Amino acid sequence: MVQNEQAPTTVLWRPTGPEELELVRRSGWRSWPPRLPEQPIFYPVLNEEYAVKIAKEWNVPHHGVGYVTRFRVESEFLRRYPVQQAGGETILELWVPAEELDEFNAHLVGPIEVVHEFR
């Protein structure tokens, strides 16, 4: 008998601009695009409030619009990436090397969703 139990997942967020979001849309909302040469790390964040702050304070001034996305990744896979505290107590992110992004994408569960838009 085969059991169909889904592996536990972790919810992550990512603030993004319109160009990256368009590439996510083109993937069918299933993957993050490859990093540019000047982007050696992919930074998903661990809480929505931090993602909102970045979208408002960085994406809107630089792109005129900022989005916050939410997505799920297999929790067991994420164990390889220690949580990084990039400032205050709630400023938590994962640092995924660009060369591991394809493998990271393979462990996404469900679609990437836009949960906030700021202009």
N, C-alpha and C. Protein backbone atom coordinates (compact mmCIF):
# COMPACT_ATOMS: atom_id res chain seq x y z
N MET A 1 0.84 -1.18 0.00
CA MET A 1 0.00 0.00 0.00
C MET A 1 0.89 1.25 0.00
N VAL A 2 0.61 2.20 -0.88
CA VAL A 2 1.39 3.43 -0.99
C VAL A 2 0.68 4.53 -0.21
N GLN A 3 1.44 5.17 0.67
CA GLN A 3 0.88 6.30 1.40
C GLN A 3 1.19 7.58 0.64
N ASN A 4 0.27 8.50 0.62
CA ASN A 4 0.45 9.76 -0.08
C ASN A 4 0.50 10.89 0.93
N GLU A 5 1.50 10.86 1.78
CA GLU A 5 1.65 11.93 2.77
C GLU A 5 2.60 12.97 2.22
N GLN A 6 2.15 14.20 2.23
CA GLN A 6 2.98 15.29 1.76
C GLN A 6 4.00 15.64 2.84
N ALA A 7 5.23 15.88 2.42
CA ALA A 7 6.28 16.27 3.36
C ALA A 7 5.92 17.60 4.00
N PRO A 8 6.32 17.81 5.26
CA PRO A 8 6.08 19.10 5.91
C PRO A 8 6.76 20.23 5.12
N THR A 9 6.11 21.37 5.11
CA THR A 9 6.65 22.52 4.38
C THR A 9 6.85 23.71 5.30
N THR A 10 7.68 24.62 4.85
CA THR A 10 7.93 25.88 5.53
C THR A 10 7.48 27.00 4.61
N VAL A 11 6.76 27.97 5.15
CA VAL A 11 6.33 29.13 4.37
C VAL A 11 7.44 30.16 4.39
N LEU A 12 7.77 30.66 3.20
CA LEU A 12 8.75 31.72 3.04
C LEU A 12 8.13 32.87 2.26
N TRP A 13 8.74 34.02 2.35
CA TRP A 13 8.29 35.20 1.61
C TRP A 13 9.46 35.76 0.83
N ARG A 14 9.13 36.49 -0.22
CA ARG A 14 10.18 37.18 -0.97
C ARG A 14 9.62 38.49 -1.51
N PRO A 15 10.26 39.60 -1.13
CA PRO A 15 9.92 40.87 -1.76
C PRO A 15 10.55 40.90 -3.15
N THR A 16 9.84 41.41 -4.11
CA THR A 16 10.35 41.39 -5.48
C THR A 16 9.83 42.58 -6.28
N GLY A 17 10.55 42.88 -7.33
CA GLY A 17 10.14 43.93 -8.25
C GLY A 17 9.43 43.35 -9.45
N PRO A 18 9.01 44.22 -10.37
CA PRO A 18 8.21 43.76 -11.51
C PRO A 18 8.95 42.84 -12.48
N GLU A 19 10.25 43.05 -12.68
CA GLU A 19 10.99 42.22 -13.64
C GLU A 19 11.07 40.77 -13.15
N GLU A 20 11.46 40.60 -11.88
CA GLU A 20 11.56 39.25 -11.34
C GLU A 20 10.18 38.59 -11.30
N LEU A 21 9.17 39.36 -10.91
CA LEU A 21 7.82 38.80 -10.83
C LEU A 21 7.34 38.33 -12.21
N GLU A 22 7.68 39.05 -13.25
CA GLU A 22 7.29 38.63 -14.60
C GLU A 22 7.94 37.29 -14.96
N LEU A 23 9.18 37.09 -14.56
CA LEU A 23 9.85 35.81 -14.83
C LEU A 23 9.21 34.68 -14.02
N VAL A 24 8.78 34.97 -12.81
CA VAL A 24 8.07 33.98 -12.01
C VAL A 24 6.75 33.63 -12.69
N ARG A 25 6.04 34.65 -13.16
CA ARG A 25 4.77 34.41 -13.87
C ARG A 25 4.98 33.51 -15.08
N ARG A 26 6.05 33.78 -15.84
CA ARG A 26 6.34 32.98 -17.04
C ARG A 26 6.65 31.52 -16.70
N SER A 27 7.09 31.28 -15.46
CA SER A 27 7.37 29.90 -15.03
C SER A 27 6.09 29.17 -14.63
N GLY A 28 4.96 29.85 -14.73
CA GLY A 28 3.70 29.27 -14.26
C GLY A 28 3.59 29.36 -12.75
N TRP A 29 4.30 30.33 -12.16
CA TRP A 29 4.30 30.55 -10.71
C TRP A 29 4.93 29.36 -9.97
N ARG A 30 5.89 28.68 -10.61
CA ARG A 30 6.48 27.46 -10.05
C ARG A 30 7.96 27.55 -9.74
N SER A 31 8.64 28.65 -10.14
CA SER A 31 10.08 28.71 -9.86
C SER A 31 10.59 30.14 -9.86
N TRP A 32 11.72 30.30 -9.19
CA TRP A 32 12.43 31.58 -9.16
C TRP A 32 13.44 31.59 -10.30
N PRO A 33 13.61 32.74 -10.96
CA PRO A 33 14.53 32.79 -12.11
C PRO A 33 15.99 32.73 -11.65
N PRO A 34 16.87 32.34 -12.57
CA PRO A 34 18.30 32.33 -12.25
C PRO A 34 18.74 33.72 -11.80
N ARG A 35 19.73 33.75 -10.95
CA ARG A 35 20.29 35.01 -10.47
C ARG A 35 21.14 35.65 -11.57
N LEU A 36 21.22 36.97 -11.54
CA LEU A 36 22.11 37.70 -12.43
C LEU A 36 23.54 37.58 -11.89
N PRO A 37 24.56 37.84 -12.71
CA PRO A 37 25.94 37.70 -12.23
C PRO A 37 26.23 38.49 -10.95
N GLU A 38 25.59 39.64 -10.78
CA GLU A 38 25.82 40.44 -9.58
C GLU A 38 24.95 40.00 -8.40
N GLN A 39 24.22 38.91 -8.55
CA GLN A 39 23.35 38.36 -7.50
C GLN A 39 23.77 36.93 -7.16
N PRO A 40 24.84 36.76 -6.38
CA PRO A 40 25.32 35.41 -6.09
C PRO A 40 24.47 34.63 -5.09
N ILE A 41 23.53 35.32 -4.45
CA ILE A 41 22.71 34.68 -3.41
C ILE A 41 21.24 35.01 -3.66
N PHE A 42 20.37 34.02 -3.44
CA PHE A 42 18.91 34.20 -3.44
C PHE A 42 18.48 34.30 -1.99
N TYR A 43 17.74 35.36 -1.64
CA TYR A 43 17.40 35.64 -0.25
C TYR A 43 15.89 35.54 0.02
N PRO A 44 15.34 34.39 0.29
CA PRO A 44 13.96 34.36 0.79
C PRO A 44 13.98 34.75 2.27
N VAL A 45 12.88 35.32 2.75
CA VAL A 45 12.82 35.75 4.14
C VAL A 45 11.80 34.93 4.92
N LEU A 46 11.95 34.93 6.25
CA LEU A 46 11.17 34.04 7.09
C LEU A 46 9.91 34.65 7.68
N ASN A 47 9.69 35.96 7.45
CA ASN A 47 8.44 36.51 7.95
C ASN A 47 7.90 37.59 7.02
N GLU A 48 6.61 37.67 7.02
CA GLU A 48 5.90 38.56 6.11
C GLU A 48 6.21 40.03 6.38
N GLU A 49 6.33 40.41 7.65
CA GLU A 49 6.57 41.81 8.00
C GLU A 49 7.89 42.31 7.41
N TYR A 50 8.93 41.49 7.47
CA TYR A 50 10.22 41.86 6.91
C TYR A 50 10.11 42.00 5.38
N ALA A 51 9.41 41.09 4.74
CA ALA A 51 9.22 41.16 3.29
C ALA A 51 8.47 42.43 2.89
N VAL A 52 7.45 42.79 3.66
CA VAL A 52 6.69 44.02 3.39
C VAL A 52 7.60 45.24 3.51
N LYS A 53 8.42 45.26 4.55
CA LYS A 53 9.35 46.39 4.77
C LYS A 53 10.27 46.56 3.56
N ILE A 54 10.86 45.47 3.09
CA ILE A 54 11.76 45.55 1.94
C ILE A 54 11.01 45.99 0.68
N ALA A 55 9.84 45.42 0.45
CA ALA A 55 9.06 45.79 -0.74
C ALA A 55 8.74 47.29 -0.74
N LYS A 56 8.34 47.81 0.41
CA LYS A 56 7.98 49.23 0.50
C LYS A 56 9.20 50.14 0.43
N GLU A 57 10.26 49.77 1.16
CA GLU A 57 11.41 50.67 1.31
C GLU A 57 12.46 50.52 0.21
N TRP A 58 12.48 49.40 -0.49
CA TRP A 58 13.49 49.22 -1.53
C TRP A 58 12.86 49.09 -2.91
N ASN A 59 11.92 48.14 -3.08
CA ASN A 59 11.35 47.90 -4.41
C ASN A 59 10.56 49.10 -4.93
N VAL A 60 9.72 49.71 -4.09
CA VAL A 60 8.91 50.83 -4.57
C VAL A 60 9.79 51.99 -5.02
N PRO A 61 10.76 52.46 -4.21
CA PRO A 61 11.61 53.56 -4.68
C PRO A 61 12.42 53.23 -5.94
N HIS A 62 12.85 51.97 -6.09
CA HIS A 62 13.69 51.59 -7.22
C HIS A 62 12.89 51.21 -8.47
N HIS A 63 11.67 50.69 -8.30
CA HIS A 63 10.91 50.18 -9.44
C HIS A 63 9.53 50.81 -9.59
N GLY A 64 9.11 51.60 -8.61
CA GLY A 64 7.77 52.18 -8.66
C GLY A 64 6.70 51.25 -8.14
N VAL A 65 7.05 49.99 -7.94
CA VAL A 65 6.12 49.00 -7.42
C VAL A 65 6.93 47.93 -6.69
N GLY A 66 6.35 47.39 -5.65
CA GLY A 66 6.98 46.30 -4.92
C GLY A 66 5.95 45.25 -4.60
N TYR A 67 6.34 44.00 -4.69
CA TYR A 67 5.44 42.89 -4.42
C TYR A 67 6.01 42.04 -3.29
N VAL A 68 5.12 41.41 -2.56
CA VAL A 68 5.53 40.40 -1.59
C VAL A 68 4.91 39.10 -2.05
N THR A 69 5.76 38.09 -2.19
CA THR A 69 5.29 36.77 -2.59
C THR A 69 5.40 35.83 -1.40
N ARG A 70 4.58 34.79 -1.44
CA ARG A 70 4.59 33.75 -0.42
C ARG A 70 4.69 32.42 -1.14
N PHE A 71 5.49 31.52 -0.60
CA PHE A 71 5.65 30.19 -1.21
C PHE A 71 6.07 29.20 -0.15
N ARG A 72 5.96 27.94 -0.49
CA ARG A 72 6.28 26.86 0.46
C ARG A 72 7.40 25.99 -0.11
N VAL A 73 8.27 25.56 0.81
CA VAL A 73 9.40 24.71 0.45
C VAL A 73 9.44 23.55 1.43
N GLU A 74 9.84 22.39 0.96
CA GLU A 74 9.96 21.22 1.84
C GLU A 74 10.89 21.56 3.00
N SER A 75 10.39 21.40 4.21
CA SER A 75 11.14 21.78 5.41
C SER A 75 12.46 21.02 5.52
N GLU A 76 12.44 19.74 5.23
CA GLU A 76 13.67 18.93 5.35
C GLU A 76 14.77 19.47 4.44
N PHE A 77 14.42 19.88 3.23
CA PHE A 77 15.40 20.42 2.30
C PHE A 77 16.00 21.72 2.85
N LEU A 78 15.19 22.55 3.48
CA LEU A 78 15.67 23.85 3.97
C LEU A 78 16.68 23.73 5.10
N ARG A 79 16.78 22.59 5.73
CA ARG A 79 17.74 22.43 6.84
C ARG A 79 19.17 22.73 6.44
N ARG A 80 19.47 22.62 5.16
CA ARG A 80 20.84 22.88 4.70
C ARG A 80 21.21 24.37 4.74
N TYR A 81 20.20 25.24 4.89
CA TYR A 81 20.44 26.68 4.90
C TYR A 81 20.19 27.25 6.29
N PRO A 82 21.24 27.56 7.04
CA PRO A 82 21.04 28.13 8.37
C PRO A 82 20.31 29.47 8.27
N VAL A 83 19.47 29.74 9.24
CA VAL A 83 18.77 31.03 9.28
C VAL A 83 19.81 32.11 9.58
N GLN A 84 19.76 33.17 8.78
CA GLN A 84 20.67 34.30 8.95
C GLN A 84 19.90 35.47 9.54
N GLN A 85 20.44 36.05 10.60
CA GLN A 85 19.82 37.24 11.19
C GLN A 85 20.55 38.44 10.59
N ALA A 86 19.85 39.15 9.71
CA ALA A 86 20.47 40.23 8.93
C ALA A 86 20.25 41.59 9.56
N GLY A 87 19.99 41.64 10.83
CA GLY A 87 19.73 42.90 11.52
C GLY A 87 18.99 42.61 12.80
N GLY A 88 17.81 43.23 12.94
CA GLY A 88 17.01 43.05 14.15
C GLY A 88 16.49 41.64 14.33
N GLU A 89 15.82 41.45 15.44
CA GLU A 89 15.32 40.14 15.85
C GLU A 89 14.44 39.46 14.81
N THR A 90 13.67 40.23 14.05
CA THR A 90 12.75 39.64 13.07
C THR A 90 13.27 39.73 11.64
N ILE A 91 14.50 40.18 11.46
CA ILE A 91 15.08 40.31 10.13
C ILE A 91 15.85 39.02 9.83
N LEU A 92 15.07 38.01 9.43
CA LEU A 92 15.60 36.67 9.24
C LEU A 92 15.45 36.25 7.79
N GLU A 93 16.51 35.65 7.26
CA GLU A 93 16.48 35.21 5.87
C GLU A 93 17.33 33.97 5.69
N LEU A 94 17.15 33.34 4.54
CA LEU A 94 17.99 32.21 4.15
C LEU A 94 18.90 32.68 3.02
N TRP A 95 20.10 32.18 2.97
CA TRP A 95 21.03 32.53 1.91
C TRP A 95 21.24 31.31 1.04
N VAL A 96 20.61 31.32 -0.13
CA VAL A 96 20.69 30.20 -1.06
C VAL A 96 21.67 30.58 -2.18
N PRO A 97 22.80 29.89 -2.29
CA PRO A 97 23.74 30.22 -3.38
C PRO A 97 23.06 30.10 -4.74
N ALA A 98 23.38 31.02 -5.63
CA ALA A 98 22.75 31.05 -6.96
C ALA A 98 22.85 29.72 -7.67
N GLU A 99 23.97 29.02 -7.51
CA GLU A 99 24.15 27.76 -8.22
C GLU A 99 23.26 26.64 -7.67
N GLU A 100 22.61 26.87 -6.52
CA GLU A 100 21.70 25.88 -5.94
C GLU A 100 20.23 26.22 -6.17
N LEU A 101 19.96 27.29 -6.92
CA LEU A 101 18.58 27.74 -7.07
C LEU A 101 17.71 26.74 -7.84
N ASP A 102 18.25 26.06 -8.83
CA ASP A 102 17.46 25.05 -9.55
C ASP A 102 17.01 23.95 -8.58
N GLU A 103 17.91 23.50 -7.72
CA GLU A 103 17.56 22.47 -6.75
C GLU A 103 16.55 23.00 -5.74
N PHE A 104 16.74 24.25 -5.31
CA PHE A 104 15.79 24.90 -4.40
C PHE A 104 14.40 24.91 -5.05
N ASN A 105 14.33 25.33 -6.30
CA ASN A 105 13.05 25.37 -7.03
C ASN A 105 12.40 23.99 -7.10
N ALA A 106 13.21 22.95 -7.21
CA ALA A 106 12.67 21.58 -7.30
C ALA A 106 11.98 21.17 -6.00
N HIS A 107 12.25 21.88 -4.91
CA HIS A 107 11.65 21.54 -3.62
C HIS A 107 10.51 22.49 -3.22
N LEU A 108 10.11 23.37 -4.15
CA LEU A 108 8.93 24.20 -3.90
C LEU A 108 7.70 23.30 -3.90
N VAL A 109 6.74 23.63 -3.06
CA VAL A 109 5.49 22.87 -2.98
C VAL A 109 4.35 23.84 -3.28
N GLY A 110 3.70 23.65 -4.40
CA GLY A 110 2.61 24.55 -4.78
C GLY A 110 3.14 25.79 -5.47
N PRO A 111 2.24 26.70 -5.82
CA PRO A 111 2.64 27.89 -6.58
C PRO A 111 3.21 28.99 -5.69
N ILE A 112 3.94 29.88 -6.33
CA ILE A 112 4.38 31.14 -5.72
C ILE A 112 3.19 32.09 -5.84
N GLU A 113 2.82 32.74 -4.74
CA GLU A 113 1.65 33.62 -4.73
C GLU A 113 2.03 35.05 -4.41
N VAL A 114 1.41 36.01 -5.08
CA VAL A 114 1.57 37.42 -4.72
C VAL A 114 0.56 37.72 -3.61
N VAL A 115 1.04 38.20 -2.47
CA VAL A 115 0.15 38.47 -1.34
C VAL A 115 0.03 39.97 -1.04
N HIS A 116 0.96 40.79 -1.56
CA HIS A 116 0.88 42.25 -1.37
C HIS A 116 1.45 42.94 -2.59
N GLU A 117 0.91 44.11 -2.89
CA GLU A 117 1.44 44.99 -3.94
C GLU A 117 1.45 46.40 -3.39
N PHE A 118 2.58 47.08 -3.55
CA PHE A 118 2.72 48.46 -3.06
C PHE A 118 3.21 49.34 -4.19
N ARG A 119 2.64 50.55 -4.25
CA ARG A 119 3.06 51.53 -5.28
C ARG A 119 3.39 52.84 -4.62
